[in-house]
């Protein structure tokens, strides 16, 4: 695979607008009205959020990610999809490049809610 071109430069101030945090996936549920969405229940330490991710067809057993920590963008407006509310976005690796996506995970456990960047 040839890597994609690097996107245009951004400023550090642009980067600082993103609030990317570690959360532990505590449950994975099917979104019945969607062929691709799964509902992730994510613990961020001081609160829990429901985040929808288009990963239904990417895993034989979606339950394998329960208990794993991953990165999530938490400062996006809540959005309704397939009748369910999503309160953030999973920050995964590979989807944009057509590679089977993988979770973006810390190398060792860190407290839920820890910020990236």
PDB file of N, CA and C in Angstrom:
ATOM      1  N   UNK A   1       0.826  -1.173   0.000  1.00  0.00           N
ATOM      2  CA  UNK A   1       0.000   0.000   0.000  1.00  0.00           C
ATOM      3  C   UNK A   1       0.883   1.253   0.000  1.00  0.00           C
ATOM      4  N   UNK A   2       0.541   2.184  -0.843  1.00  0.00           N
ATOM      5  CA  UNK A   2       1.237   3.468  -0.862  1.00  0.00           C
ATOM      6  C   UNK A   2       0.500   4.411   0.091  1.00  0.00           C
ATOM      7  N   UNK A   3       1.211   5.016   1.047  1.00  0.00           N
ATOM      8  CA  UNK A   3       0.545   5.940   1.963  1.00  0.00           C
ATOM      9  C   UNK A   3      -0.106   7.110   1.226  1.00  0.00           C
ATOM     10  N   UNK A   4      -1.221   7.601   1.765  1.00  0.00           N
ATOM     11  CA  UNK A   4      -1.908   8.758   1.195  1.00  0.00           C
ATOM     12  C   UNK A   4      -1.027   9.992   1.323  1.00  0.00           C
ATOM     13  N   UNK A   5      -1.296  10.980   0.481  1.00  0.00           N
ATOM     14  CA  UNK A   5      -0.578  12.245   0.573  1.00  0.00           C
ATOM     15  C   UNK A   5      -0.858  12.892   1.927  1.00  0.00           C
ATOM     16  N   UNK A   6       0.107  13.635   2.422  1.00  0.00           N
ATOM     17  CA  UNK A   6      -0.061  14.349   3.682  1.00  0.00           C
ATOM     18  C   UNK A   6      -1.005  15.524   3.443  1.00  0.00           C
ATOM     19  N   UNK A   7      -1.943  15.696   4.356  1.00  0.00           N
ATOM     20  CA  UNK A   7      -2.913  16.790   4.252  1.00  0.00           C
ATOM     21  C   UNK A   7      -2.216  18.131   4.446  1.00  0.00           C
ATOM     22  N   UNK A   8      -2.889  19.242   4.040  1.00  0.00           N
ATOM     23  CA  UNK A   8      -2.284  20.575   4.210  1.00  0.00           C
ATOM     24  C   UNK A   8      -1.957  20.863   5.680  1.00  0.00           C
ATOM     25  N   UNK A   9      -0.956  21.704   5.873  1.00  0.00           N
ATOM     26  CA  UNK A   9      -0.542  22.093   7.221  1.00  0.00           C
ATOM     27  C   UNK A   9      -1.693  22.722   7.998  1.00  0.00           C
ATOM     28  N   UNK A  10      -1.694  22.472   9.308  1.00  0.00           N
ATOM     29  CA  UNK A  10      -2.605  23.154  10.222  1.00  0.00           C
ATOM     30  C   UNK A  10      -1.745  23.816  11.294  1.00  0.00           C
ATOM     31  N   UNK A  11      -2.342  24.702  12.036  1.00  0.00           N
ATOM     32  CA  UNK A  11      -1.608  25.343  13.124  1.00  0.00           C
ATOM     33  C   UNK A  11      -1.777  24.517  14.392  1.00  0.00           C
ATOM     34  N   UNK A  12      -0.927  24.786  15.364  1.00  0.00           N
ATOM     35  CA  UNK A  12      -1.063  24.132  16.659  1.00  0.00           C
ATOM     36  C   UNK A  12      -2.412  24.487  17.278  1.00  0.00           C
ATOM     37  N   UNK A  13      -2.871  25.709  17.055  1.00  0.00           N
ATOM     38  CA  UNK A  13      -4.187  26.127  17.566  1.00  0.00           C
ATOM     39  C   UNK A  13      -5.304  25.272  16.961  1.00  0.00           C
ATOM     40  N   UNK A  14      -5.186  24.915  15.679  1.00  0.00           N
ATOM     41  CA  UNK A  14      -6.173  24.024  15.051  1.00  0.00           C
ATOM     42  C   UNK A  14      -6.169  22.667  15.745  1.00  0.00           C
ATOM     43  N   UNK A  15      -4.981  22.128  15.968  1.00  0.00           N
ATOM     44  CA  UNK A  15      -4.848  20.820  16.621  1.00  0.00           C
ATOM     45  C   UNK A  15      -5.438  20.849  18.020  1.00  0.00           C
ATOM     46  N   UNK A  16      -5.194  21.938  18.748  1.00  0.00           N
ATOM     47  CA  UNK A  16      -5.682  22.044  20.129  1.00  0.00           C
ATOM     48  C   UNK A  16      -7.201  22.055  20.225  1.00  0.00           C
ATOM     49  N   UNK A  17      -7.893  22.318  19.133  1.00  0.00           N
ATOM     50  CA  UNK A  17      -9.361  22.309  19.149  1.00  0.00           C
ATOM     51  C   UNK A  17      -9.917  20.898  19.335  1.00  0.00           C
ATOM     52  N   UNK A  18      -9.155  19.896  18.932  1.00  0.00           N
ATOM     53  CA  UNK A  18      -9.609  18.509  19.079  1.00  0.00           C
ATOM     54  C   UNK A  18      -9.440  18.062  20.529  1.00  0.00           C
ATOM     55  N   UNK A  19     -10.474  17.466  21.081  1.00  0.00           N
ATOM     56  CA  UNK A  19     -10.393  16.889  22.422  1.00  0.00           C
ATOM     57  C   UNK A  19     -10.475  15.378  22.256  1.00  0.00           C
ATOM     58  N   UNK A  20      -9.307  14.744  22.235  1.00  0.00           N
ATOM     59  CA  UNK A  20      -9.208  13.295  22.045  1.00  0.00           C
ATOM     60  C   UNK A  20      -8.874  12.684  23.398  1.00  0.00           C
ATOM     61  N   UNK A  21      -9.709  11.754  23.845  1.00  0.00           N
ATOM     62  CA  UNK A  21      -9.527  11.159  25.167  1.00  0.00           C
ATOM     63  C   UNK A  21      -9.577   9.637  25.115  1.00  0.00           C
ATOM     64  N   UNK A  22      -8.947   9.050  26.119  1.00  0.00           N
ATOM     65  CA  UNK A  22      -8.987   7.602  26.286  1.00  0.00           C
ATOM     66  C   UNK A  22     -10.266   7.229  27.026  1.00  0.00           C
ATOM     67  N   UNK A  23     -10.917   6.202  26.531  1.00  0.00           N
ATOM     68  CA  UNK A  23     -12.087   5.660  27.206  1.00  0.00           C
ATOM     69  C   UNK A  23     -12.054   4.147  27.110  1.00  0.00           C
ATOM     70  N   UNK A  24     -12.691   3.492  28.071  1.00  0.00           N
ATOM     71  CA  UNK A  24     -12.801   2.036  28.047  1.00  0.00           C
ATOM     72  C   UNK A  24     -14.178   1.655  27.515  1.00  0.00           C
ATOM     73  N   UNK A  25     -14.179   0.794  26.510  1.00  0.00           N
ATOM     74  CA  UNK A  25     -15.433   0.301  25.932  1.00  0.00           C
ATOM     75  C   UNK A  25     -16.008  -0.723  26.904  1.00  0.00           C
ATOM     76  N   UNK A  26     -17.162  -0.405  27.495  1.00  0.00           N
ATOM     77  CA  UNK A  26     -17.755  -1.298  28.497  1.00  0.00           C
ATOM     78  C   UNK A  26     -18.851  -2.184  27.921  1.00  0.00           C
ATOM     79  N   UNK A  27     -19.400  -1.805  26.773  1.00  0.00           N
ATOM     80  CA  UNK A  27     -20.430  -2.622  26.130  1.00  0.00           C
ATOM     81  C   UNK A  27     -20.475  -2.291  24.648  1.00  0.00           C
ATOM     82  N   UNK A  28     -20.855  -3.279  23.856  1.00  0.00           N
ATOM     83  CA  UNK A  28     -21.061  -3.107  22.420  1.00  0.00           C
ATOM     84  C   UNK A  28     -22.440  -3.675  22.111  1.00  0.00           C
ATOM     85  N   UNK A  29     -23.283  -2.854  21.485  1.00  0.00           N
ATOM     86  CA  UNK A  29     -24.652  -3.269  21.167  1.00  0.00           C
ATOM     87  C   UNK A  29     -24.926  -3.043  19.684  1.00  0.00           C
ATOM     88  N   UNK A  30     -25.805  -3.849  19.140  1.00  0.00           N
ATOM     89  CA  UNK A  30     -26.204  -3.718  17.747  1.00  0.00           C
ATOM     90  C   UNK A  30     -27.116  -2.501  17.589  1.00  0.00           C
ATOM     91  N   UNK A  31     -27.015  -1.816  16.460  1.00  0.00           N
ATOM     92  CA  UNK A  31     -27.969  -0.781  16.081  1.00  0.00           C
ATOM     93  C   UNK A  31     -28.833  -1.424  15.008  1.00  0.00           C
ATOM     94  N   UNK A  32     -30.035  -1.804  15.387  1.00  0.00           N
ATOM     95  CA  UNK A  32     -30.891  -2.608  14.513  1.00  0.00           C
ATOM     96  C   UNK A  32     -31.245  -1.928  13.193  1.00  0.00           C
ATOM     97  N   UNK A  33     -31.362  -0.607  13.183  1.00  0.00           N
ATOM     98  CA  UNK A  33     -31.769   0.112  11.975  1.00  0.00           C
ATOM     99  C   UNK A  33     -30.600   0.401  11.041  1.00  0.00           C
ATOM    100  N   UNK A  34     -29.435  -0.196  11.304  1.00  0.00           N
ATOM    101  CA  UNK A  34     -28.254   0.078  10.479  1.00  0.00           C
ATOM    102  C   UNK A  34     -27.513  -1.204  10.129  1.00  0.00           C
ATOM    103  N   UNK A  35     -26.986  -1.233   8.895  1.00  0.00           N
ATOM    104  CA  UNK A  35     -26.184  -2.367   8.449  1.00  0.00           C
ATOM    105  C   UNK A  35     -24.736  -2.257   8.898  1.00  0.00           C
ATOM    106  N   UNK A  36     -24.299  -1.047   9.321  1.00  0.00           N
ATOM    107  CA  UNK A  36     -22.894  -0.887   9.665  1.00  0.00           C
ATOM    108  C   UNK A  36     -22.617  -0.338  11.059  1.00  0.00           C
ATOM    109  N   UNK A  37     -23.610   0.271  11.726  1.00  0.00           N
ATOM    110  CA  UNK A  37     -23.352   0.911  13.010  1.00  0.00           C
ATOM    111  C   UNK A  37     -23.458  -0.027  14.208  1.00  0.00           C
ATOM    112  N   UNK A  38     -22.526   0.161  15.132  1.00  0.00           N
ATOM    113  CA  UNK A  38     -22.588  -0.475  16.449  1.00  0.00           C
ATOM    114  C   UNK A  38     -22.614   0.638  17.489  1.00  0.00           C
ATOM    115  N   UNK A  39     -23.289   0.376  18.596  1.00  0.00           N
ATOM    116  CA  UNK A  39     -23.336   1.326  19.703  1.00  0.00           C
ATOM    117  C   UNK A  39     -22.301   0.911  20.737  1.00  0.00           C
ATOM    118  N   UNK A  40     -21.342   1.790  20.991  1.00  0.00           N
ATOM    119  CA  UNK A  40     -20.323   1.541  22.010  1.00  0.00           C
ATOM    120  C   UNK A  40     -20.695   2.341  23.254  1.00  0.00           C
ATOM    121  N   UNK A  41     -20.683   1.704  24.400  1.00  0.00           N
ATOM    122  CA  UNK A  41     -20.846   2.398  25.667  1.00  0.00           C
ATOM    123  C   UNK A  41     -19.430   2.560  26.210  1.00  0.00           C
ATOM    124  N   UNK A  42     -19.036   3.822  26.457  1.00  0.00           N
ATOM    125  CA  UNK A  42     -17.643   4.132  26.762  1.00  0.00           C
ATOM    126  C   UNK A  42     -17.544   4.871  28.094  1.00  0.00           C
ATOM    127  N   UNK A  43     -16.662   4.370  28.964  1.00  0.00           N
ATOM    128  CA  UNK A  43     -16.400   4.968  30.274  1.00  0.00           C
ATOM    129  C   UNK A  43     -15.236   5.940  30.138  1.00  0.00           C
ATOM    130  N   UNK A  44     -15.501   7.224  30.438  1.00  0.00           N
ATOM    131  CA  UNK A  44     -14.463   8.248  30.402  1.00  0.00           C
ATOM    132  C   UNK A  44     -14.038   8.682  31.804  1.00  0.00           C
ATOM    133  N   UNK A  45     -14.295   7.866  32.791  1.00  0.00           N
ATOM    134  CA  UNK A  45     -13.856   8.156  34.157  1.00  0.00           C
ATOM    135  C   UNK A  45     -14.893   8.913  34.951  1.00  0.00           C
ATOM    136  N   UNK A  46     -15.209  10.132  34.524  1.00  0.00           N
ATOM    137  CA  UNK A  46     -16.188  10.930  35.250  1.00  0.00           C
ATOM    138  C   UNK A  46     -17.576  10.857  34.623  1.00  0.00           C
ATOM    139  N   UNK A  47     -17.688  10.206  33.454  1.00  0.00           N
ATOM    140  CA  UNK A  47     -18.986  10.038  32.802  1.00  0.00           C
ATOM    141  C   UNK A  47     -18.898   8.926  31.753  1.00  0.00           C
ATOM    142  N   UNK A  48     -20.057   8.506  31.307  1.00  0.00           N
ATOM    143  CA  UNK A  48     -20.169   7.471  30.277  1.00  0.00           C
ATOM    144  C   UNK A  48     -20.869   8.083  29.072  1.00  0.00           C
ATOM    145  N   UNK A  49     -20.445   7.677  27.897  1.00  0.00           N
ATOM    146  CA  UNK A  49     -21.081   8.147  26.666  1.00  0.00           C
ATOM    147  C   UNK A  49     -21.439   6.978  25.763  1.00  0.00           C
ATOM    148  N   UNK A  50     -22.425   7.248  24.914  1.00  0.00           N
ATOM    149  CA  UNK A  50     -22.812   6.325  23.860  1.00  0.00           C
ATOM    150  C   UNK A  50     -22.216   6.868  22.564  1.00  0.00           C
ATOM    151  N   UNK A  51     -21.389   6.065  21.908  1.00  0.00           N
ATOM    152  CA  UNK A  51     -20.741   6.498  20.672  1.00  0.00           C
ATOM    153  C   UNK A  51     -21.009   5.454  19.593  1.00  0.00           C
ATOM    154  N   UNK A  52     -21.530   5.902  18.467  1.00  0.00           N
ATOM    155  CA  UNK A  52     -21.807   5.000  17.358  1.00  0.00           C
ATOM    156  C   UNK A  52     -20.583   4.915  16.458  1.00  0.00           C
ATOM    157  N   UNK A  53     -20.286   3.720  16.016  1.00  0.00           N
ATOM    158  CA  UNK A  53     -19.139   3.492  15.138  1.00  0.00           C
ATOM    159  C   UNK A  53     -19.554   2.560  14.006  1.00  0.00           C
ATOM    160  N   UNK A  54     -19.150   2.885  12.787  1.00  0.00           N
ATOM    161  CA  UNK A  54     -19.498   2.082  11.610  1.00  0.00           C
ATOM    162  C   UNK A  54     -18.588   0.889  11.454  1.00  0.00           C
ATOM    163  N   UNK A  55     -18.647  -0.013  12.423  1.00  0.00           N
ATOM    164  CA  UNK A  55     -17.715  -1.139  12.411  1.00  0.00           C
ATOM    165  C   UNK A  55     -18.392  -2.507  12.446  1.00  0.00           C
ATOM    166  N   UNK A  56     -19.685  -2.557  12.193  1.00  0.00           N
ATOM    167  CA  UNK A  56     -20.424  -3.819  12.281  1.00  0.00           C
ATOM    168  C   UNK A  56     -19.858  -4.892  11.343  1.00  0.00           C
ATOM    169  N   UNK A  57     -19.480  -4.486  10.132  1.00  0.00           N
ATOM    170  CA  UNK A  57     -18.996  -5.455   9.142  1.00  0.00           C
ATOM    171  C   UNK A  57     -17.492  -5.685   9.227  1.00  0.00           C
ATOM    172  N   UNK A  58     -16.818  -4.994  10.140  1.00  0.00           N
ATOM    173  CA  UNK A  58     -15.359  -5.085  10.229  1.00  0.00           C
ATOM    174  C   UNK A  58     -14.878  -6.178  11.175  1.00  0.00           C
ATOM    175  N   UNK A  59     -15.774  -6.728  11.971  1.00  0.00           N
ATOM    176  CA  UNK A  59     -15.372  -7.697  12.989  1.00  0.00           C
ATOM    177  C   UNK A  59     -16.322  -8.886  13.002  1.00  0.00           C
ATOM    178  N   UNK A  60     -15.756 -10.082  13.097  1.00  0.00           N
ATOM    179  CA  UNK A  60     -16.597 -11.269  13.226  1.00  0.00           C
ATOM    180  C   UNK A  60     -17.319 -11.262  14.565  1.00  0.00           C
ATOM    181  N   UNK A  61     -16.625 -10.810  15.614  1.00  0.00           N
ATOM    182  CA  UNK A  61     -17.204 -10.764  16.952  1.00  0.00           C
ATOM    183  C   UNK A  61     -16.957  -9.386  17.560  1.00  0.00           C
ATOM    184  N   UNK A  62     -17.902  -8.461  17.418  1.00  0.00           N
ATOM    185  CA  UNK A  62     -17.713  -7.121  17.966  1.00  0.00           C
ATOM    186  C   UNK A  62     -17.486  -7.108  19.485  1.00  0.00           C
ATOM    187  N   UNK A  63     -17.899  -8.150  20.178  1.00  0.00           N
ATOM    188  CA  UNK A  63     -17.731  -8.193  21.627  1.00  0.00           C
ATOM    189  C   UNK A  63     -16.255  -8.283  22.035  1.00  0.00           C
ATOM    190  N   UNK A  64     -15.364  -8.598  21.074  1.00  0.00           N
ATOM    191  CA  UNK A  64     -13.937  -8.723  21.388  1.00  0.00           C
ATOM    192  C   UNK A  64     -13.312  -7.398  21.830  1.00  0.00           C
ATOM    193  N   UNK A  65     -13.988  -6.267  21.558  1.00  0.00           N
ATOM    194  CA  UNK A  65     -13.409  -4.984  21.962  1.00  0.00           C
ATOM    195  C   UNK A  65     -13.916  -4.510  23.330  1.00  0.00           C
ATOM    196  N   UNK A  66     -14.858  -5.243  23.915  1.00  0.00           N
ATOM    197  CA  UNK A  66     -15.334  -4.884  25.257  1.00  0.00           C
ATOM    198  C   UNK A  66     -14.165  -5.010  26.234  1.00  0.00           C
ATOM    199  N   UNK A  67     -13.981  -3.976  27.054  1.00  0.00           N
ATOM    200  CA  UNK A  67     -12.888  -3.960  28.024  1.00  0.00           C
ATOM    201  C   UNK A  67     -11.620  -3.313  27.501  1.00  0.00           C
ATOM    202  N   UNK A  68     -11.583  -2.978  26.216  1.00  0.00           N
ATOM    203  CA  UNK A  68     -10.385  -2.354  25.639  1.00  0.00           C
ATOM    204  C   UNK A  68     -10.475  -0.836  25.732  1.00  0.00           C
ATOM    205  N   UNK A  69      -9.317  -0.221  25.933  1.00  0.00           N
ATOM    206  CA  UNK A  69      -9.240   1.229  25.887  1.00  0.00           C
ATOM    207  C   UNK A  69      -8.965   1.651  24.453  1.00  0.00           C
ATOM    208  N   UNK A  70      -9.501   2.813  24.079  1.00  0.00           N
ATOM    209  CA  UNK A  70      -9.259   3.362  22.751  1.00  0.00           C
ATOM    210  C   UNK A  70      -9.349   4.875  22.830  1.00  0.00           C
ATOM    211  N   UNK A  71      -9.023   5.526  21.717  1.00  0.00           N
ATOM    212  CA  UNK A  71      -9.112   6.981  21.637  1.00  0.00           C
ATOM    213  C   UNK A  71     -10.433   7.387  20.997  1.00  0.00           C
ATOM    214  N   UNK A  72     -11.014   8.476  21.525  1.00  0.00           N
ATOM    215  CA  UNK A  72     -12.288   8.999  21.039  1.00  0.00           C
ATOM    216  C   UNK A  72     -12.213  10.515  20.963  1.00  0.00           C
ATOM    217  N   UNK A  73     -12.824  11.097  19.925  1.00  0.00           N
ATOM    218  CA  UNK A  73     -12.988  12.547  19.853  1.00  0.00           C
ATOM    219  C   UNK A  73     -14.267  12.857  20.615  1.00  0.00           C
ATOM    220  N   UNK A  74     -14.151  13.671  21.663  1.00  0.00           N
ATOM    221  CA  UNK A  74     -15.310  13.892  22.546  1.00  0.00           C
ATOM    222  C   UNK A  74     -15.919  15.287  22.426  1.00  0.00           C
ATOM    223  N   UNK A  75     -15.349  16.168  21.640  1.00  0.00           N
ATOM    224  CA  UNK A  75     -15.917  17.510  21.545  1.00  0.00           C
ATOM    225  C   UNK A  75     -16.567  17.779  20.189  1.00  0.00           C
ATOM    226  N   UNK A  76     -17.274  16.779  19.694  1.00  0.00           N
ATOM    227  CA  UNK A  76     -18.085  16.950  18.492  1.00  0.00           C
ATOM    228  C   UNK A  76     -19.537  17.025  18.937  1.00  0.00           C
ATOM    229  N   UNK A  77     -20.368  17.785  18.216  1.00  0.00           N
ATOM    230  CA  UNK A  77     -21.777  17.851  18.607  1.00  0.00           C
ATOM    231  C   UNK A  77     -22.416  16.459  18.539  1.00  0.00           C
ATOM    232  N   UNK A  78     -23.308  16.183  19.483  1.00  0.00           N
ATOM    233  CA  UNK A  78     -24.047  14.911  19.448  1.00  0.00           C
ATOM    234  C   UNK A  78     -24.819  14.852  18.132  1.00  0.00           C
ATOM    235  N   UNK A  79     -24.916  13.640  17.598  1.00  0.00           N
ATOM    236  CA  UNK A  79     -25.541  13.463  16.288  1.00  0.00           C
ATOM    237  C   UNK A  79     -26.428  12.229  16.314  1.00  0.00           C
ATOM    238  N   UNK A  80     -27.617  12.349  15.755  1.00  0.00           N
ATOM    239  CA  UNK A  80     -28.532  11.219  15.685  1.00  0.00           C
ATOM    240  C   UNK A  80     -28.301  10.463  14.379  1.00  0.00           C
ATOM    241  N   UNK A  81     -28.105   9.147  14.513  1.00  0.00           N
ATOM    242  CA  UNK A  81     -27.907   8.293  13.345  1.00  0.00           C
ATOM    243  C   UNK A  81     -28.711   7.017  13.562  1.00  0.00           C
ATOM    244  N   UNK A  82     -29.462   6.610  12.558  1.00  0.00           N
ATOM    245  CA  UNK A  82     -30.258   5.379  12.616  1.00  0.00           C
ATOM    246  C   UNK A  82     -31.106   5.322  13.891  1.00  0.00           C
ATOM    247  N   UNK A  83     -31.621   6.480  14.298  1.00  0.00           N
ATOM    248  CA  UNK A  83     -32.487   6.538  15.468  1.00  0.00           C
ATOM    249  C   UNK A  83     -31.775   6.527  16.806  1.00  0.00           C
ATOM    250  N   UNK A  84     -30.437   6.531  16.799  1.00  0.00           N
ATOM    251  CA  UNK A  84     -29.641   6.505  18.037  1.00  0.00           C
ATOM    252  C   UNK A  84     -28.775   7.757  18.101  1.00  0.00           C
ATOM    253  N   UNK A  85     -28.437   8.177  19.307  1.00  0.00           N
ATOM    254  CA  UNK A  85     -27.605   9.357  19.503  1.00  0.00           C
ATOM    255  C   UNK A  85     -26.142   8.954  19.671  1.00  0.00           C
ATOM    256  N   UNK A  86     -25.255   9.629  18.936  1.00  0.00           N
ATOM    257  CA  UNK A  86     -23.820   9.421  19.088  1.00  0.00           C
ATOM    258  C   UNK A  86     -23.227  10.658  19.738  1.00  0.00           C
ATOM    259  N   UNK A  87     -22.475  10.451  20.826  1.00  0.00           N
ATOM    260  CA  UNK A  87     -21.920  11.549  21.609  1.00  0.00           C
ATOM    261  C   UNK A  87     -20.405  11.660  21.458  1.00  0.00           C
ATOM    262  N   UNK A  88     -19.907  11.432  20.255  1.00  0.00           N
ATOM    263  CA  UNK A  88     -18.478  11.503  19.995  1.00  0.00           C
ATOM    264  C   UNK A  88     -18.136  10.639  18.796  1.00  0.00           C
ATOM    265  N   UNK A  89     -16.837  10.419  18.604  1.00  0.00           N
ATOM    266  CA  UNK A  89     -16.386   9.631  17.461  1.00  0.00           C
ATOM    267  C   UNK A  89     -15.204   8.759  17.860  1.00  0.00           C
ATOM    268  N   UNK A  90     -15.269   7.494  17.468  1.00  0.00           N
ATOM    269  CA  UNK A  90     -14.146   6.588  17.657  1.00  0.00           C
ATOM    270  C   UNK A  90     -13.001   7.056  16.769  1.00  0.00           C
ATOM    271  N   UNK A  91     -11.797   7.118  17.320  1.00  0.00           N
ATOM    272  CA  UNK A  91     -10.601   7.536  16.593  1.00  0.00           C
ATOM    273  C   UNK A  91      -9.869   6.252  16.226  1.00  0.00           C
ATOM    274  N   UNK A  92     -10.191   5.696  15.044  1.00  0.00           N
ATOM    275  CA  UNK A  92      -9.572   4.425  14.672  1.00  0.00           C
ATOM    276  C   UNK A  92      -8.492   4.629  13.620  1.00  0.00           C
ATOM    277  N   UNK A  93      -7.847   3.544  13.253  1.00  0.00           N
ATOM    278  CA  UNK A  93      -6.718   3.583  12.319  1.00  0.00           C
ATOM    279  C   UNK A  93      -7.042   2.707  11.114  1.00  0.00           C
ATOM    280  N   UNK A  94      -6.879   3.250   9.906  1.00  0.00           N
ATOM    281  CA  UNK A  94      -6.968   2.443   8.705  1.00  0.00           C
ATOM    282  C   UNK A  94      -8.163   2.670   7.821  1.00  0.00           C
ATOM    283  N   UNK A  95      -9.305   3.057   8.382  1.00  0.00           N
ATOM    284  CA  UNK A  95     -10.532   3.164   7.590  1.00  0.00           C
ATOM    285  C   UNK A  95     -10.348   4.064   6.368  1.00  0.00           C
ATOM    286  N   UNK A  96      -9.796   5.254   6.571  1.00  0.00           N
ATOM    287  CA  UNK A  96      -9.643   6.221   5.474  1.00  0.00           C
ATOM    288  C   UNK A  96      -8.741   5.695   4.356  1.00  0.00           C
ATOM    289  N   UNK A  97      -7.904   4.723   4.650  1.00  0.00           N
ATOM    290  CA  UNK A  97      -6.982   4.173   3.659  1.00  0.00           C
ATOM    291  C   UNK A  97      -7.438   2.825   3.097  1.00  0.00           C
ATOM    292  N   UNK A  98      -8.643   2.407   3.454  1.00  0.00           N
ATOM    293  CA  UNK A  98      -9.143   1.139   2.946  1.00  0.00           C
ATOM    294  C   UNK A  98      -8.491  -0.076   3.580  1.00  0.00           C
ATOM    295  N   UNK A  99      -7.863   0.128   4.736  1.00  0.00           N
ATOM    296  CA  UNK A  99      -7.237  -0.964   5.487  1.00  0.00           C
ATOM    297  C   UNK A  99      -8.232  -1.406   6.551  1.00  0.00           C
ATOM    298  N   UNK A 100      -8.279  -2.684   6.848  1.00  0.00           N
ATOM    299  CA  UNK A 100      -9.173  -3.160   7.898  1.00  0.00           C
ATOM    300  C   UNK A 100      -8.883  -2.361   9.167  1.00  0.00           C
ATOM    301  N   UNK A 101      -9.847  -1.571   9.648  1.00  0.00           N
ATOM    302  CA  UNK A 101      -9.590  -0.674  10.775  1.00  0.00           C
ATOM    303  C   UNK A 101      -9.194  -1.388  12.065  1.00  0.00           C
ATOM    304  N   UNK A 102      -8.375  -0.688  12.829  1.00  0.00           N
ATOM    305  CA  UNK A 102      -7.929  -1.151  14.137  1.00  0.00           C
ATOM    306  C   UNK A 102      -8.172  -0.023  15.138  1.00  0.00           C
ATOM    307  N   UNK A 103      -8.375  -0.395  16.389  1.00  0.00           N
ATOM    308  CA  UNK A 103      -8.529   0.607  17.432  1.00  0.00           C
ATOM    309  C   UNK A 103      -7.210   1.342  17.654  1.00  0.00           C
ATOM    310  N   UNK A 104      -7.284   2.645  17.914  1.00  0.00           N
ATOM    311  CA  UNK A 104      -6.120   3.423  18.328  1.00  0.00           C
ATOM    312  C   UNK A 104      -6.076   3.293  19.852  1.00  0.00           C
ATOM    313  N   UNK A 105      -5.089   2.559  20.354  1.00  0.00           N
ATOM    314  CA  UNK A 105      -5.052   2.196  21.769  1.00  0.00           C
ATOM    315  C   UNK A 105      -3.763   2.646  22.443  1.00  0.00           C
ATOM    316  N   UNK A 106      -3.853   3.014  23.743  1.00  0.00           N
ATOM    317  CA  UNK A 106      -2.615   3.314  24.472  1.00  0.00           C
ATOM    318  C   UNK A 106      -1.793   2.040  24.654  1.00  0.00           C
ATOM    319  N   UNK A 107      -0.480   2.174  24.764  1.00  0.00           N
ATOM    320  CA  UNK A 107       0.401   1.004  24.895  1.00  0.00           C
ATOM    321  C   UNK A 107       0.276   0.325  26.251  1.00  0.00           C
ATOM    322  N   UNK A 108      -0.218   1.054  27.250  1.00  0.00           N
ATOM    323  CA  UNK A 108      -0.473   0.480  28.583  1.00  0.00           C
ATOM    324  C   UNK A 108      -1.726   1.148  29.122  1.00  0.00           C
ATOM    325  N   UNK A 109      -2.400   0.546  30.081  1.00  0.00           N
ATOM    326  CA  UNK A 109      -3.600   1.171  30.638  1.00  0.00           C
ATOM    327  C   UNK A 109      -3.302   2.546  31.240  1.00  0.00           C
ATOM    328  N   UNK A 110      -4.180   3.484  30.951  1.00  0.00           N
ATOM    329  CA  UNK A 110      -4.110   4.836  31.535  1.00  0.00           C
ATOM    330  C   UNK A 110      -5.492   5.157  32.089  1.00  0.00           C
ATOM    331  N   UNK A 111      -5.595   6.141  32.974  1.00  0.00           N
ATOM    332  CA  UNK A 111      -6.914   6.478  33.515  1.00  0.00           C
ATOM    333  C   UNK A 111      -7.881   6.917  32.415  1.00  0.00           C
ATOM    334  N   UNK A 112      -9.114   6.440  32.488  1.00  0.00           N
ATOM    335  CA  UNK A 112     -10.138   6.866  31.545  1.00  0.00           C
ATOM    336  C   UNK A 112     -10.282   8.383  31.619  1.00  0.00           C
ATOM    337  N   UNK A 113     -10.424   9.009  30.460  1.00  0.00           N
ATOM    338  CA  UNK A 113     -10.553  10.449  30.394  1.00  0.00           C
ATOM    339  C   UNK A 113      -9.238  11.155  30.115  1.00  0.00           C
ATOM    340  N   UNK A 114      -8.127  10.416  30.122  1.00  0.00           N
ATOM    341  CA  UNK A 114      -6.821  11.011  29.834  1.00  0.00           C
ATOM    342  C   UNK A 114      -6.832  11.568  28.412  1.00  0.00           C
ATOM    343  N   UNK A 115      -6.311  12.783  28.255  1.00  0.00           N
ATOM    344  CA  UNK A 115      -6.292  13.439  26.957  1.00  0.00           C
ATOM    345  C   UNK A 115      -5.085  13.027  26.123  1.00  0.00           C
ATOM    346  N   UNK A 116      -5.296  12.960  24.812  1.00  0.00           N
ATOM    347  CA  UNK A 116      -4.198  12.708  23.868  1.00  0.00           C
ATOM    348  C   UNK A 116      -3.706  14.057  23.362  1.00  0.00           C
ATOM    349  N   UNK A 117      -2.429  14.096  22.991  1.00  0.00           N
ATOM    350  CA  UNK A 117      -1.902  15.299  22.379  1.00  0.00           C
ATOM    351  C   UNK A 117      -1.021  16.083  23.197  1.00  0.00           C
TER     352      UNK A 117
END
